[in-house]
Protein backbone atom coordinates (compact mmCIF):
# COMPACT_ATOMS: atom_id res chain seq x y z
CA MET A 1 27.48 19.78 8.04
CA GLN A 2 24.14 17.89 10.15
CA THR A 3 24.64 14.38 9.73
CA VAL A 4 21.03 12.22 8.91
CA VAL A 5 20.66 9.12 8.09
CA LEU A 6 18.78 7.78 5.78
CA ALA A 7 16.62 4.59 6.01
CA THR A 8 17.48 2.68 2.97
CA GLY A 9 19.70 0.92 0.74
CA ASN A 10 18.51 2.30 -2.21
CA ALA A 11 21.19 4.30 -4.14
CA GLY A 12 18.97 5.91 -5.87
CA LYS A 13 17.09 7.52 -3.49
CA LEU A 14 20.45 8.38 -1.55
CA ALA A 15 21.62 10.05 -4.62
CA GLU A 16 18.73 11.94 -4.79
CA MET A 17 18.44 13.22 -1.03
CA GLN A 18 22.03 14.14 -1.06
CA THR A 19 21.48 16.39 -4.17
CA LEU A 20 17.96 18.41 -2.14
CA LEU A 21 19.26 18.64 1.42
CA SER A 22 22.85 19.25 0.79
CA PRO A 23 21.83 23.31 0.39
CA LEU A 24 20.64 22.63 3.79
CA GLY A 25 23.95 21.63 5.46
CA MET A 26 22.68 18.13 5.70
CA ALA A 27 25.14 15.31 5.13
CA ILE A 28 22.96 12.40 4.01
CA VAL A 29 24.33 9.23 4.97
CA PRO A 30 22.90 6.05 4.32
CA GLN A 31 21.90 3.46 7.11
CA LYS A 32 23.94 0.73 5.90
CA GLN A 33 27.03 2.57 7.08
CA PHE A 34 25.87 1.93 10.57
CA PHE A 35 23.58 -0.96 11.40
CA THR A 36 22.24 -4.23 8.98
CA GLU A 37 18.88 -4.86 11.09
CA GLU A 38 15.70 -4.06 9.86
CA ALA A 39 12.85 -2.04 11.74
CA VAL A 40 10.07 -4.15 12.11
CA GLU A 41 6.96 -2.48 10.05
CA ASP A 42 4.27 -3.41 11.42
CA GLY A 43 2.39 0.07 11.23
CA LEU A 44 -1.28 -0.03 9.15
CA THR A 45 -0.40 3.05 6.85
CA PHE A 46 2.40 4.68 4.69
CA ILE A 47 3.19 7.20 7.43
CA GLU A 48 3.18 5.02 10.55
CA ASN A 49 5.26 2.60 8.40
CA ALA A 50 7.90 5.74 7.56
CA LEU A 51 7.64 6.85 11.26
CA ILE A 52 8.90 2.95 12.46
CA LYS A 53 11.94 3.10 10.50
CA ALA A 54 12.79 6.76 10.71
CA ARG A 55 12.36 6.48 14.92
CA PHE A 56 14.20 2.78 14.34
CA ALA A 57 17.19 4.13 12.27
CA SER A 58 17.65 7.52 14.92
CA GLU A 59 17.93 5.35 17.69
CA LYS A 60 20.53 3.17 15.94
CA THR A 61 23.07 5.64 15.51
CA GLY A 62 21.90 9.03 17.50
CA PHE A 63 21.03 10.82 14.62
CA PRO A 64 18.09 12.16 12.40
CA ALA A 65 16.47 10.48 10.32
CA ILE A 66 14.63 9.79 7.14
CA ALA A 67 13.05 7.50 5.97
CA ASP A 68 10.31 6.68 3.46
CA ASP A 69 7.39 4.07 2.95
CA SER A 70 5.38 3.65 -0.41
CA GLY A 71 3.40 1.75 -2.55
CA LEU A 72 0.18 1.23 -5.06
CA GLU A 73 -3.77 1.68 -4.32
CA VAL A 74 -6.11 0.03 -7.09
CA ASP A 75 -9.56 1.65 -6.03
CA ALA A 76 -11.16 -1.67 -7.77
CA LEU A 77 -9.59 -3.42 -4.93
CA GLY A 78 -9.97 -1.23 -2.06
CA GLY A 79 -6.55 0.28 -1.99
CA GLN A 80 -4.80 -3.35 -2.01
CA PRO A 81 -2.06 -3.94 -2.36
CA GLY A 82 -0.91 -0.56 -0.16
CA ILE A 83 1.28 -1.00 2.72
CA TYR A 84 1.94 -4.98 1.27
CA SER A 85 3.11 -3.87 -2.64
CA ALA A 86 6.25 -4.88 -2.03
CA ARG A 87 5.16 -8.63 -0.83
CA TYR A 88 1.79 -8.77 -2.63
CA SER A 89 2.54 -11.55 -4.54
CA GLU A 90 3.91 -13.87 -0.77
CA GLY A 91 2.81 -17.26 -1.69
CA TYR A 92 0.99 -16.24 -4.68
CA GLN A 93 1.54 -19.48 -6.58
CA GLY A 94 3.85 -20.92 -3.99
CA LEU A 95 6.53 -18.92 -4.75
CA PRO A 96 8.15 -15.66 -2.97
CA ALA A 97 7.51 -12.46 -3.61
CA SER A 98 8.89 -10.08 -6.87
CA ASP A 99 8.01 -7.77 -9.00
CA GLN A 100 6.71 -9.86 -11.52
CA ARG A 101 4.44 -11.37 -9.83
CA ASN A 102 3.31 -8.89 -7.92
CA ASN A 103 2.37 -7.42 -11.59
CA GLU A 104 0.24 -11.11 -12.42
CA LYS A 105 -1.31 -11.42 -9.26
CA LEU A 106 -2.58 -7.50 -9.49
CA LEU A 107 -3.87 -8.17 -12.97
CA ALA A 108 -5.49 -11.70 -12.00
CA GLU A 109 -7.18 -10.21 -9.19
CA LEU A 110 -8.42 -7.25 -11.52
CA ALA A 111 -9.56 -9.80 -14.14
CA GLN A 112 -11.91 -11.22 -11.34
CA SER A 113 -13.15 -7.96 -9.94
CA ASN A 114 -16.28 -6.82 -11.70
CA SER A 115 -15.24 -2.91 -11.68
CA GLN A 116 -14.48 -0.97 -14.50
CA ASN A 117 -12.48 1.55 -12.20
CA ARG A 118 -9.09 0.72 -13.90
CA GLN A 119 -7.76 4.01 -11.03
CA ALA A 120 -4.64 3.48 -9.64
CA CYS A 121 -2.33 5.69 -7.17
CA TYR A 122 1.20 5.31 -6.41
CA TYR A 123 1.49 6.72 -2.73
CA CYS A 124 4.34 8.03 -0.20
CA ALA A 125 5.03 9.12 2.97
CA MET A 126 8.35 10.61 4.06
CA VAL A 127 9.45 11.14 7.79
CA PHE A 128 12.08 13.12 9.31
CA VAL A 129 12.88 12.86 12.68
CA ARG A 130 15.28 14.63 15.10
CA HIS A 131 15.44 11.83 17.32
CA PRO A 132 13.79 8.41 17.87
CA LEU A 133 11.39 10.02 20.57
CA ASP A 134 10.87 13.60 18.20
CA PRO A 135 6.84 14.28 18.48
CA THR A 136 6.35 16.59 15.91
CA PRO A 137 8.17 14.46 12.93
CA VAL A 138 8.08 16.75 9.51
CA ILE A 139 6.09 14.50 6.62
CA GLY A 140 6.02 15.03 3.46
CA LEU A 141 2.94 13.16 0.97
CA GLY A 142 3.35 12.23 -2.15
CA LYS A 143 0.30 11.13 -4.94
CA TRP A 144 0.66 10.09 -8.32
CA CYS A 145 -2.34 8.38 -10.04
CA GLY A 146 -2.51 6.44 -13.65
CA SER A 147 -4.43 3.42 -14.28
CA VAL A 148 -4.11 -0.48 -14.49
CA MET A 149 -3.38 -1.23 -18.05
CA SER A 150 -4.20 -5.34 -19.33
CA GLU A 151 -0.65 -5.95 -19.62
CA PRO A 152 2.88 -5.14 -18.73
CA LYS A 153 4.44 -2.64 -21.67
CA GLY A 154 8.11 -1.09 -21.06
CA THR A 155 11.41 -1.81 -19.70
CA GLY A 156 12.54 0.77 -17.36
CA GLY A 157 11.55 1.62 -13.27
CA PHE A 158 10.34 -1.23 -11.29
CA GLY A 159 7.68 -2.30 -9.18
CA TYR A 160 4.22 -2.25 -11.10
CA ASP A 161 5.54 0.80 -13.41
CA PRO A 162 5.14 -1.76 -16.13
CA ILE A 163 1.08 -2.03 -15.59
CA ILE A 164 0.89 1.38 -14.94
CA TRP A 165 -0.29 3.86 -17.63
CA MET A 166 -0.16 7.66 -17.70
CA ALA A 167 -2.60 9.50 -19.32
CA ASP A 168 -1.03 12.57 -19.61
CA GLN A 169 2.17 11.34 -21.09
CA GLY A 170 0.72 8.80 -22.94
CA CYS A 171 3.09 6.02 -21.59
CA SER A 172 3.71 3.58 -19.11
CA VAL A 173 5.24 4.57 -16.27
CA ALA A 174 8.15 1.81 -17.07
CA GLU A 175 8.61 4.02 -20.41
CA LEU A 176 9.16 7.21 -19.00
CA SER A 177 12.49 8.67 -18.92
CA LYS A 178 14.02 8.26 -15.49
CA SER A 179 14.98 11.64 -14.98
CA LEU A 180 11.12 12.63 -16.04
CA LYS A 181 10.06 10.12 -13.67
CA ASN A 182 12.22 11.13 -10.92
CA SER A 183 10.39 14.48 -11.59
CA LEU A 184 7.05 13.72 -11.66
CA SER A 185 6.90 10.93 -8.94
CA HIS A 186 5.04 10.96 -5.76
CA ARG A 187 8.35 9.66 -3.99
CA ALA A 188 9.42 13.61 -6.16
CA GLN A 189 5.97 15.05 -4.40
CA ALA A 190 6.66 13.85 -1.12
CA ILE A 191 10.85 14.83 -0.86
CA GLU A 192 9.87 18.23 -2.57
CA GLN A 193 7.20 19.00 0.28
CA LEU A 194 9.65 17.68 3.18
CA VAL A 195 11.96 19.87 1.80
CA ILE A 196 9.98 23.29 1.65
CA GLN A 197 9.49 22.45 5.44
CA LEU A 198 12.59 21.81 6.67
CA LYS A 199 13.78 24.87 5.14
CA GLN A 200 11.27 26.67 7.35
């Protein structure tokens, strides 16, 4: 089987990718089995940052690599927090970023906004490179939209999930079962696109 490095330490992502890509003859291995350094994500888009991570992992290991970059875009905030989603609240109230503080800052920013638009979309870019200088990376994109609630609801998921309402499901993302979230999410869509292209 072809070894492919997954540029993440997320066990859930690893298991999902192993299941989806094993029929294609790919053995997905996490990058931590090879190195511990982190790529410098200095791109300005999800695609750029995913590419940076994939190229870095491929360069460090000599194997093809897959990486993703994802976050939340809120219309009323001009697309923020976007690529800075994980570290949105860095320094907020003088404290380091955390999921809870990210949510608190987002709700505070929206409360100060004059916009009545509460739409928010999760976005994911997932890329596959054959080698560090691959000029034609395979790119899968996913977008999953809901709206920002006024207060958190639910205990599942992570990140912004407790404050994002999905009208078609009648609940917050944090109230969805893990299996249902994994079948609907922006990351699931991006993986599906990637797999379709890799099969071709």
